[in-house]
Amino acid sequence: MSVSKALRAALGGDCAVIDDEQILASYERDQAPFAPSSKAAAVLIAKSIDEVSKAVKFANQESIPVVVRGAGSGLAGGANSIQGCIVISTEKLSRILEIDPINQIARVEAGVINSDLDKAAEEFGLTYLPDPASRSWSTIGGNIATNAGGMCCIKYGVTSQHVRAIRVVLSDGEVVDFGFPTKKSVTTLDLLHLFIGSEGTLGVVVEATLSLVPRLRKPVTLIATFPSVIKAADAAIEMLTIRPSMLELIDKTTLSAVEEWKPMGFESCESVLIMQSDESADDCQKAQEIALKHGAIDAIYSDDPKDSDDLIQVRKLAYSSLERLGVALIDDVVVPVSKISQLVSGIENIAARNSVKIGVFGHAGDGNMHPTIIYPHNDKGAEARALRAFNEIIALAQGLGGTASGEHGIGGLKISALLNETPERILKIQREIKSILDPNRIFNPGKKFPI
């Protein structure tokens, strides 16, 4: 009996188990070039936690790999299917179960879209703060799996800082709750955060209780242009004393790509710094003074919401502008903020050495940068050079005291990079945890860390 037929029999009822070749192909990959993938045996579009539980129990009994997929917005191949696996899609687990305005929490299923939750919270005068660039289509479950960040995480933190509790299907099919809906609890070991960022290797997150906060005031936004990335990076370091809610840096290559697509007047500068404060215009006035002190060509700010939206458009268009030029291989390295200028300078050398175009933009406030390598479609030579540059960027960041990934995850794309920065003892501990929670190693094998 085929896997799909056996899975249907195990689930019973009106389950959505798919084995059509074309549909399987559409669930095979996320957004990451190079990350390995293979054909799944079946896709389950789960409609309930009970279906997930039964499917996982079946897979565990039959030693069939399980890959969980939200929206497929990932950038490291974490949701890529592997040969003969069952893909469990959470796209239909999309109910916002509760918004509690008194305790300022939301209880949602894993397939809820990030921005949909924020819109629902807005009706109660609340907001969900984590804001990954993919928030308009990425799921809460996927955000939890990668511990997603965003432009505002400099002040408000990444996903893990906004998760109170999760409901998880373990490898034997049991449904277990980790964490508490309260703001505090130290009664058990903090197993909740063990699952956040685990990329589907320990269990299936099917539900989450999340922190909400009162909606923030409209931000004041500053944009400053600089004659060099070094001057922009130096200004960014001093701006951290203001505690901005956003601090983003963009290099010349990225600016040129934006100008080529949607001209905005940045053709004469080498770098742009965007800073937001959700507290007062005084913060942006101080940031303006800092920018000019560090040699900014110009620095302007506005507290008008429309102006603010206009001022940050160049950052919002960064990745899309580069992607228009060819295949985009985006990196996700983190360095100490004091090393950002060295990182960008090193990336310029890597681009020249490998004859590839690399645009750099990202979160100057926490050192998490997104060098994006562009190469032509269907060019094997350029593809090889791009992959070499990708790995050299990671090695550069690690050499500067940084790490291979800040928010996109390891997936199947950065296993070798993880090995370069993770001591064997830590890997052994991770494998032991994996063995306890997933003794048959069915959950996303080959991802996050080597087994």
Protein backbone atom coordinates (compact mmCIF):
# COMPACT_ATOMS: atom_id res chain seq x y z
CA MET A 1 0.00 0.00 0.00
CA SER A 2 1.32 3.46 -0.86
CA VAL A 3 2.15 5.97 1.88
CA SER A 4 -0.73 8.20 0.80
CA LYS A 5 -3.27 5.36 0.94
CA ALA A 6 -1.99 4.15 4.30
CA LEU A 7 -2.10 7.69 5.66
CA ARG A 8 -5.68 8.13 4.49
CA ALA A 9 -6.61 4.88 6.20
CA ALA A 10 -4.91 6.00 9.43
CA LEU A 11 -6.71 9.35 9.42
CA GLY A 12 -10.11 8.20 8.23
CA GLY A 13 -12.90 10.61 7.42
CA ASP A 14 -12.62 13.48 4.97
CA CYS A 15 -8.87 14.07 5.16
CA ALA A 16 -6.93 16.06 2.55
CA VAL A 17 -4.06 13.73 1.65
CA ILE A 18 -2.49 14.59 -1.69
CA ASP A 19 -0.20 12.52 -3.90
CA ASP A 20 -0.67 14.28 -7.23
CA GLU A 21 2.78 14.84 -8.76
CA GLN A 22 2.25 18.50 -9.68
CA ILE A 23 0.83 19.40 -6.29
CA LEU A 24 3.63 17.55 -4.51
CA ALA A 25 6.11 19.63 -6.52
CA SER A 26 4.46 22.86 -5.34
CA TYR A 27 5.11 21.82 -1.73
CA GLU A 28 8.71 20.74 -2.31
CA ARG A 29 10.65 23.97 -1.72
CA ASP A 30 10.63 27.21 0.18
CA GLN A 31 12.28 30.40 -1.16
CA ALA A 32 15.94 29.34 -0.80
CA PRO A 33 18.06 28.55 -3.86
CA PHE A 34 20.60 25.71 -3.38
CA ALA A 35 18.88 24.16 -0.34
CA PRO A 36 18.41 20.45 -1.08
CA SER A 37 14.95 18.99 -1.61
CA SER A 38 13.31 15.80 -2.86
CA LYS A 39 9.85 14.50 -3.69
CA ALA A 40 7.49 13.82 -0.81
CA ALA A 41 5.34 10.70 -0.72
CA ALA A 42 2.28 12.69 0.36
CA VAL A 43 1.08 16.07 1.55
CA LEU A 44 -1.46 16.34 4.35
CA ILE A 45 -3.31 19.64 4.45
CA ALA A 46 -4.29 19.32 8.09
CA LYS A 47 -7.66 20.69 9.17
CA SER A 48 -7.37 19.88 12.87
CA ILE A 49 -4.85 19.14 15.60
CA ASP A 50 -6.31 15.64 15.78
CA GLU A 51 -5.34 15.05 12.13
CA VAL A 52 -1.80 16.22 12.83
CA SER A 53 -1.60 13.92 15.86
CA LYS A 54 -2.82 10.88 13.93
CA ALA A 55 -0.53 11.61 10.99
CA VAL A 56 2.55 11.97 13.20
CA LYS A 57 1.70 8.81 15.13
CA PHE A 58 1.34 6.92 11.84
CA ALA A 59 4.62 8.31 10.49
CA ASN A 60 6.44 7.41 13.70
CA GLN A 61 5.15 3.84 13.64
CA GLU A 62 6.20 3.46 10.01
CA SER A 63 9.48 5.44 10.36
CA ILE A 64 8.42 7.89 7.66
CA PRO A 65 10.01 11.37 7.77
CA VAL A 66 7.74 14.33 8.55
CA VAL A 67 8.32 17.86 7.26
CA VAL A 68 6.06 20.63 8.54
CA ARG A 69 5.24 23.51 6.22
CA GLY A 70 3.52 26.82 6.88
CA ALA A 71 3.46 29.25 3.94
CA GLY A 72 6.80 28.28 2.41
CA SER A 73 8.26 31.74 3.02
CA GLY A 74 11.46 30.39 4.56
CA LEU A 75 14.89 31.32 3.25
CA ALA A 76 17.05 28.37 4.33
CA GLY A 77 15.24 25.29 3.03
CA GLY A 78 13.84 24.38 6.43
CA ALA A 79 10.47 23.39 4.96
CA ASN A 80 11.85 21.62 1.90
CA SER A 81 10.49 18.11 1.48
CA ILE A 82 12.81 15.11 1.58
CA GLN A 83 12.55 11.82 -0.27
CA GLY A 84 9.50 9.81 0.71
CA CYS A 85 8.38 12.12 3.50
CA ILE A 86 4.96 13.26 4.59
CA VAL A 87 4.61 17.04 4.37
CA ILE A 88 2.16 18.33 6.96
CA SER A 89 0.84 21.71 5.83
CA THR A 90 -0.63 23.96 8.51
CA GLU A 91 -2.21 26.35 5.99
CA LYS A 92 -5.76 25.39 7.05
CA LEU A 93 -4.98 25.62 10.77
CA SER A 94 -5.69 29.32 10.45
CA ARG A 95 -8.11 30.19 13.22
CA ILE A 96 -7.55 33.03 15.66
CA LEU A 97 -9.04 31.22 18.64
CA GLU A 98 -9.07 34.06 21.15
CA ILE A 99 -7.93 37.61 21.71
CA ASP A 100 -7.96 38.52 25.39
CA PRO A 101 -7.64 42.32 25.69
CA ILE A 102 -7.46 42.26 29.49
CA ASN A 103 -4.51 39.87 29.72
CA GLN A 104 -3.19 41.11 26.36
CA ILE A 105 -2.73 37.71 24.77
CA ALA A 106 -3.86 35.95 21.61
CA ARG A 107 -4.36 32.23 21.14
CA VAL A 108 -3.95 31.15 17.53
CA GLU A 109 -3.47 28.10 15.38
CA ALA A 110 -0.10 27.66 13.70
CA GLY A 111 -1.30 28.57 10.21
CA VAL A 112 -2.48 32.08 11.12
CA ILE A 113 -0.73 34.73 9.00
CA ASN A 114 1.36 37.16 11.05
CA SER A 115 -0.27 40.31 9.65
CA ASP A 116 -3.77 38.83 10.02
CA LEU A 117 -3.16 38.46 13.74
CA ASP A 118 -1.98 42.06 13.96
CA LYS A 119 -5.08 43.28 12.12
CA ALA A 120 -7.34 41.30 14.45
CA ALA A 121 -5.51 42.66 17.49
CA GLU A 122 -5.95 46.22 16.18
CA GLU A 123 -9.70 45.97 16.81
CA PHE A 124 -8.86 45.78 20.52
CA GLY A 125 -6.28 48.58 20.40
CA LEU A 126 -3.47 46.02 20.55
CA THR A 127 -0.65 44.89 18.29
CA TYR A 128 1.53 41.83 17.72
CA LEU A 129 5.04 43.22 17.50
CA PRO A 130 7.26 40.73 15.61
CA ASP A 131 7.38 42.03 12.04
CA PRO A 132 9.41 39.83 9.67
CA ALA A 133 9.59 41.12 6.10
CA SER A 134 7.30 38.23 5.14
CA ARG A 135 4.67 39.13 7.73
CA SER A 136 1.97 39.55 5.08
CA TRP A 137 2.21 35.85 4.18
CA SER A 138 4.35 33.98 6.71
CA THR A 139 2.61 31.96 9.42
CA ILE A 140 2.92 32.15 13.17
CA GLY A 141 4.04 28.51 13.21
CA GLY A 142 6.79 29.26 10.72
CA ASN A 143 7.81 32.37 12.68
CA ILE A 144 8.12 30.22 15.80
CA ALA A 145 10.04 27.52 13.94
CA THR A 146 12.74 30.00 12.88
CA ASN A 147 12.42 32.48 15.77
CA ALA A 148 11.75 35.16 13.17
CA GLY A 149 12.85 38.74 13.74
CA GLY A 150 12.11 41.86 11.73
CA MET A 151 12.94 45.53 11.45
CA CYS A 152 11.53 46.42 14.88
CA CYS A 153 13.24 43.64 16.82
CA ILE A 154 16.04 46.06 17.75
CA LYS A 155 13.71 47.45 20.42
CA TYR A 156 10.98 44.87 20.87
CA GLY A 157 12.79 41.60 20.34
CA VAL A 158 12.31 38.54 18.17
CA THR A 159 9.47 36.01 18.16
CA SER A 160 10.68 34.11 21.23
CA GLN A 161 10.14 37.18 23.40
CA HIS A 162 6.45 37.27 22.47
CA VAL A 163 5.48 33.61 22.88
CA ARG A 164 3.83 32.67 26.17
CA ALA A 165 2.91 29.05 25.41
CA ILE A 166 2.72 26.53 22.58
CA ARG A 167 0.82 23.34 21.89
CA VAL A 168 3.02 20.70 20.27
CA VAL A 169 2.41 17.31 18.71
CA LEU A 170 5.29 15.07 19.79
CA SER A 171 6.68 12.17 17.79
CA ASP A 172 4.33 9.58 19.35
CA GLY A 173 1.32 11.72 18.45
CA GLU A 174 0.75 13.03 21.97
CA VAL A 175 -0.36 16.66 22.20
CA VAL A 176 1.52 18.55 24.92
CA ASP A 177 1.37 22.15 26.15
CA PHE A 178 4.60 23.99 26.96
CA GLY A 179 4.67 27.33 28.79
CA PHE A 180 1.87 29.28 30.48
CA PRO A 181 -0.41 32.13 29.40
CA THR A 182 0.87 34.19 32.34
CA LYS A 183 3.73 36.66 31.95
CA LYS A 184 5.85 34.73 34.42
CA SER A 185 6.42 31.09 35.33
CA VAL A 186 9.53 29.36 36.66
CA THR A 187 7.97 26.12 37.88
CA THR A 188 9.61 23.92 35.23
CA LEU A 189 12.66 23.95 33.03
CA ASP A 190 12.11 26.37 30.15
CA LEU A 191 11.19 23.74 27.57
CA LEU A 192 9.01 26.26 25.72
CA HIS A 193 12.02 28.02 24.24
CA LEU A 194 13.62 24.72 23.28
CA PHE A 195 11.04 24.46 20.49
CA ILE A 196 11.27 28.08 19.33
CA GLY A 197 13.84 28.20 16.55
CA SER A 198 14.04 24.40 16.32
CA GLU A 199 12.83 24.42 12.68
CA GLY A 200 10.42 21.52 13.04
CA THR A 201 13.06 19.06 14.26
CA LEU A 202 11.53 18.36 17.68
CA GLY A 203 7.77 18.39 17.16
CA VAL A 204 4.89 20.06 15.35
CA VAL A 205 3.78 23.39 16.80
CA VAL A 206 0.02 23.51 16.19
CA GLU A 207 -1.10 26.34 18.46
CA ALA A 208 0.45 29.30 20.27
CA THR A 209 -0.42 31.80 22.97
CA LEU A 210 1.23 35.12 22.14
CA SER A 211 1.81 38.42 23.90
CA LEU A 212 0.09 41.53 22.60
CA VAL A 213 0.78 45.14 23.60
CA PRO A 214 -1.13 48.42 23.22
CA ARG A 215 -0.68 49.81 19.73
CA LEU A 216 2.32 52.07 19.43
CA ARG A 217 2.21 55.70 18.44
CA LYS A 218 3.02 56.43 14.80
CA PRO A 219 6.80 56.55 14.46
CA VAL A 220 8.96 59.51 13.60
CA THR A 221 11.32 58.55 10.78
CA LEU A 222 14.77 59.81 9.85
CA ILE A 223 16.66 59.02 6.68
CA ALA A 224 20.30 59.97 6.25
CA THR A 225 22.53 59.61 3.20
CA PHE A 226 26.27 59.04 3.53
CA PRO A 227 29.36 59.15 1.33
CA SER A 228 30.50 55.76 2.67
CA VAL A 229 29.17 52.71 4.47
CA ILE A 230 31.80 53.18 7.17
CA LYS A 231 30.41 56.61 8.09
CA ALA A 232 26.86 55.24 8.09
CA ALA A 233 27.85 52.32 10.32
CA ASP A 234 29.65 54.63 12.75
CA ALA A 235 26.57 56.84 12.95
CA ALA A 236 24.38 53.78 13.57
CA ILE A 237 26.46 52.73 16.55
CA GLU A 238 26.00 56.13 18.21
CA MET A 239 22.27 56.19 17.38
CA LEU A 240 21.82 53.09 19.53
CA THR A 241 22.08 55.38 22.56
CA ILE A 242 18.65 56.77 21.58
CA ARG A 243 17.02 53.29 21.66
CA PRO A 244 15.39 53.49 18.23
CA SER A 245 12.55 51.20 17.21
CA MET A 246 14.17 50.66 13.81
CA LEU A 247 17.70 51.19 12.50
CA GLU A 248 18.40 49.95 8.97
CA LEU A 249 21.42 50.28 6.70
CA ILE A 250 21.51 50.00 2.90
CA ASP A 251 24.62 49.89 0.69
CA LYS A 252 25.37 51.37 -2.74
CA THR A 253 24.68 48.19 -4.74
CA THR A 254 21.22 47.87 -3.23
CA LEU A 255 20.50 51.58 -3.68
CA SER A 256 21.47 51.32 -7.35
CA ALA A 257 19.06 48.41 -7.81
CA VAL A 258 16.26 50.42 -6.21
CA GLU A 259 17.05 53.47 -8.36
CA GLU A 260 17.03 51.35 -11.51
CA TRP A 261 13.53 50.10 -10.67
CA LYS A 262 11.90 53.02 -8.86
CA PRO A 263 14.03 56.17 -8.80
CA MET A 264 14.07 57.87 -5.41
CA GLY A 265 17.02 60.21 -5.65
CA PHE A 266 19.72 58.10 -4.00
CA GLU A 267 22.05 57.87 -7.00
CA SER A 268 24.70 60.20 -5.53
CA CYS A 269 25.25 58.51 -2.15
CA GLU A 270 27.07 55.35 -1.08
CA SER A 271 24.87 54.35 1.84
CA VAL A 272 21.57 55.15 3.55
CA LEU A 273 20.63 54.86 7.20
CA ILE A 274 16.98 54.79 8.27
CA MET A 275 16.06 55.31 11.90
CA GLN A 276 12.64 55.32 13.55
CA SER A 277 11.49 56.26 17.02
CA ASP A 278 8.04 55.52 18.38
CA GLU A 279 8.58 57.84 21.33
CA SER A 280 9.23 61.42 20.22
CA ALA A 281 10.51 63.67 17.47
CA ASP A 282 13.31 64.66 19.83
CA ASP A 283 14.88 61.25 19.23
CA CYS A 284 15.06 61.87 15.49
CA GLN A 285 16.45 65.34 16.04
CA LYS A 286 19.25 63.76 18.10
CA ALA A 287 19.74 61.14 15.39
CA GLN A 288 19.95 63.89 12.78
CA GLU A 289 22.70 65.59 14.77
CA ILE A 290 24.55 62.28 15.09
CA ALA A 291 24.28 61.61 11.35
CA LEU A 292 25.62 65.04 10.42
CA LYS A 293 28.42 64.69 12.96
CA HIS A 294 29.49 61.48 11.21
CA GLY A 295 29.59 63.10 7.79
CA ALA A 296 26.09 62.55 6.42
CA ILE A 297 25.40 64.23 3.09
CA ASP A 298 21.87 64.93 4.25
CA ALA A 299 19.59 63.90 7.10
CA ILE A 300 15.87 64.64 7.29
CA TYR A 301 13.05 63.41 9.48
CA SER A 302 9.28 63.66 9.69
CA ASP A 303 6.54 62.78 12.15
CA ASP A 304 3.90 62.70 9.41
CA PRO A 305 2.74 59.07 8.94
CA LYS A 306 2.66 59.35 5.15
CA ASP A 307 6.14 60.86 5.06
CA SER A 308 7.38 58.07 7.32
CA ASP A 309 5.97 55.46 4.97
CA ASP A 310 7.63 57.19 2.02
CA LEU A 311 10.98 57.43 3.80
CA ILE A 312 11.20 53.71 4.53
CA GLN A 313 10.15 52.61 1.03
CA VAL A 314 13.76 52.30 -0.07
CA ARG A 315 14.33 49.66 2.64
CA LYS A 316 11.10 47.83 1.86
CA LEU A 317 12.09 47.65 -1.80
CA ALA A 318 15.65 46.47 -1.15
CA TYR A 319 15.23 42.73 -1.65
CA SER A 320 12.65 42.99 -4.44
CA SER A 321 14.89 45.41 -6.35
CA LEU A 322 17.81 43.01 -6.20
CA GLU A 323 15.64 40.01 -7.04
CA ARG A 324 14.61 41.67 -10.31
CA LEU A 325 18.21 41.44 -11.49
CA GLY A 326 18.51 37.64 -11.37
CA VAL A 327 18.44 34.77 -8.92
CA ALA A 328 18.68 36.19 -5.39
CA LEU A 329 20.57 34.21 -2.75
CA ILE A 330 20.01 36.06 0.51
CA ASP A 331 22.29 35.59 3.51
CA ASP A 332 21.51 36.25 7.16
CA VAL A 333 24.74 36.76 9.03
CA VAL A 334 25.14 38.59 12.34
CA VAL A 335 28.22 40.43 13.59
CA PRO A 336 28.82 42.73 16.55
CA VAL A 337 27.54 46.17 15.55
CA SER A 338 31.09 47.48 15.88
CA LYS A 339 32.11 45.18 13.00
CA ILE A 340 29.40 46.10 10.45
CA SER A 341 31.69 48.31 8.38
CA GLN A 342 34.33 45.55 8.29
CA LEU A 343 31.67 43.08 7.20
CA VAL A 344 30.48 45.30 4.35
CA SER A 345 34.04 46.06 3.22
CA GLY A 346 34.85 42.36 3.26
CA ILE A 347 31.73 41.57 1.24
CA GLU A 348 32.80 44.08 -1.40
CA ASN A 349 36.07 42.14 -1.73
CA ILE A 350 34.20 38.82 -1.91
CA ALA A 351 31.98 40.19 -4.69
CA ALA A 352 34.99 41.34 -6.71
CA ARG A 353 36.89 38.09 -6.15
CA ASN A 354 33.98 35.93 -7.28
CA SER A 355 32.68 38.24 -10.04
CA VAL A 356 29.18 38.43 -8.57
CA LYS A 357 26.91 41.30 -7.56
CA ILE A 358 26.16 41.52 -3.83
CA GLY A 359 23.79 44.03 -2.29
CA VAL A 360 23.94 44.53 1.46
CA PHE A 361 21.10 45.76 3.63
CA GLY A 362 19.79 44.89 7.05
CA HIS A 363 19.39 45.61 10.70
CA ALA A 364 22.23 47.93 11.69
CA GLY A 365 20.86 48.11 15.21
CA ASP A 366 21.70 44.49 16.03
CA GLY A 367 24.32 43.62 13.41
CA ASN A 368 22.04 41.25 11.48
CA MET A 369 22.77 41.95 7.82
CA HIS A 370 21.32 40.42 4.66
CA PRO A 371 23.98 40.30 1.94
CA THR A 372 22.10 39.25 -1.21
CA ILE A 373 24.02 37.64 -4.04
CA ILE A 374 22.59 38.13 -7.52
CA TYR A 375 23.49 35.88 -10.44
CA PRO A 376 21.94 35.15 -13.86
CA HIS A 377 19.34 32.45 -14.34
CA ASN A 378 20.54 29.20 -15.95
CA ASP A 379 24.24 30.03 -15.62
CA LYS A 380 26.04 27.16 -13.86
CA GLY A 381 29.33 29.02 -13.65
CA ALA A 382 27.72 32.04 -12.00
CA GLU A 383 25.76 29.72 -9.72
CA ALA A 384 28.97 28.10 -8.48
CA ARG A 385 30.58 31.50 -7.88
CA ALA A 386 27.48 32.67 -6.00
CA LEU A 387 27.53 29.67 -3.69
CA ARG A 388 31.23 30.17 -3.07
CA ALA A 389 30.61 33.83 -2.21
CA PHE A 390 27.72 32.84 0.07
CA ASN A 391 29.98 30.56 2.10
CA GLU A 392 32.79 33.12 2.15
CA ILE A 393 30.42 35.73 3.60
CA ILE A 394 29.47 33.36 6.39
CA ALA A 395 33.13 32.61 7.11
CA LEU A 396 33.86 36.35 7.14
CA ALA A 397 31.08 36.99 9.66
CA GLN A 398 32.24 34.12 11.85
CA GLY A 399 35.78 35.49 11.74
CA LEU A 400 34.47 38.85 12.97
CA GLY A 401 32.95 37.19 16.03
CA GLY A 402 29.54 36.68 14.44
CA THR A 403 27.24 33.84 13.47
CA ALA A 404 25.80 32.25 10.33
CA SER A 405 22.15 33.06 10.96
CA GLY A 406 20.20 35.63 12.92
CA GLU A 407 16.61 34.96 11.89
CA HIS A 408 16.29 32.85 8.73
CA GLY A 409 17.49 29.62 10.30
CA ILE A 410 19.89 26.86 9.28
CA GLY A 411 17.54 24.58 7.35
CA GLY A 412 19.44 22.45 4.87
CA LEU A 413 21.40 25.40 3.53
CA LYS A 414 23.84 26.19 6.35
CA ILE A 415 24.67 22.86 8.01
CA SER A 416 28.40 23.20 7.23
CA ALA A 417 28.40 26.77 8.55
CA LEU A 418 26.79 25.60 11.78
CA LEU A 419 29.50 22.95 12.21
CA ASN A 420 32.17 25.63 11.87
CA GLU A 421 30.88 27.62 14.84
CA THR A 422 29.33 24.99 17.11
CA PRO A 423 31.51 22.98 19.53
CA GLU A 424 31.14 19.20 19.34
CA ARG A 425 29.89 19.07 22.92
CA ILE A 426 26.99 21.39 22.04
CA LEU A 427 26.16 19.28 18.99
CA LYS A 428 26.16 16.17 21.20
CA ILE A 429 23.73 17.80 23.65
CA GLN A 430 21.44 18.77 20.76
CA ARG A 431 21.51 15.21 19.41
CA GLU A 432 20.66 13.85 22.86
CA ILE A 433 17.69 16.21 23.15
CA LYS A 434 16.58 15.15 19.68
CA SER A 435 16.83 11.49 20.68
CA ILE A 436 14.60 12.02 23.72
CA LEU A 437 11.89 13.93 21.87
CA ASP A 438 12.16 12.17 18.52
CA PRO A 439 13.79 8.76 19.03
CA ASN A 440 12.93 7.55 15.52
CA ARG A 441 14.24 10.79 14.02
CA ILE A 442 11.19 11.40 11.87
CA PHE A 443 11.01 15.20 12.27
CA ASN A 444 12.78 17.12 9.50
CA PRO A 445 15.88 14.90 9.36
CA GLY A 446 18.97 16.56 7.92
CA LYS A 447 17.82 20.06 8.87
CA LYS A 448 19.01 22.46 11.60
CA PHE A 449 21.86 20.22 12.78
CA PRO A 450 23.46 16.94 11.64
CA ILE A 451 22.30 13.78 13.39
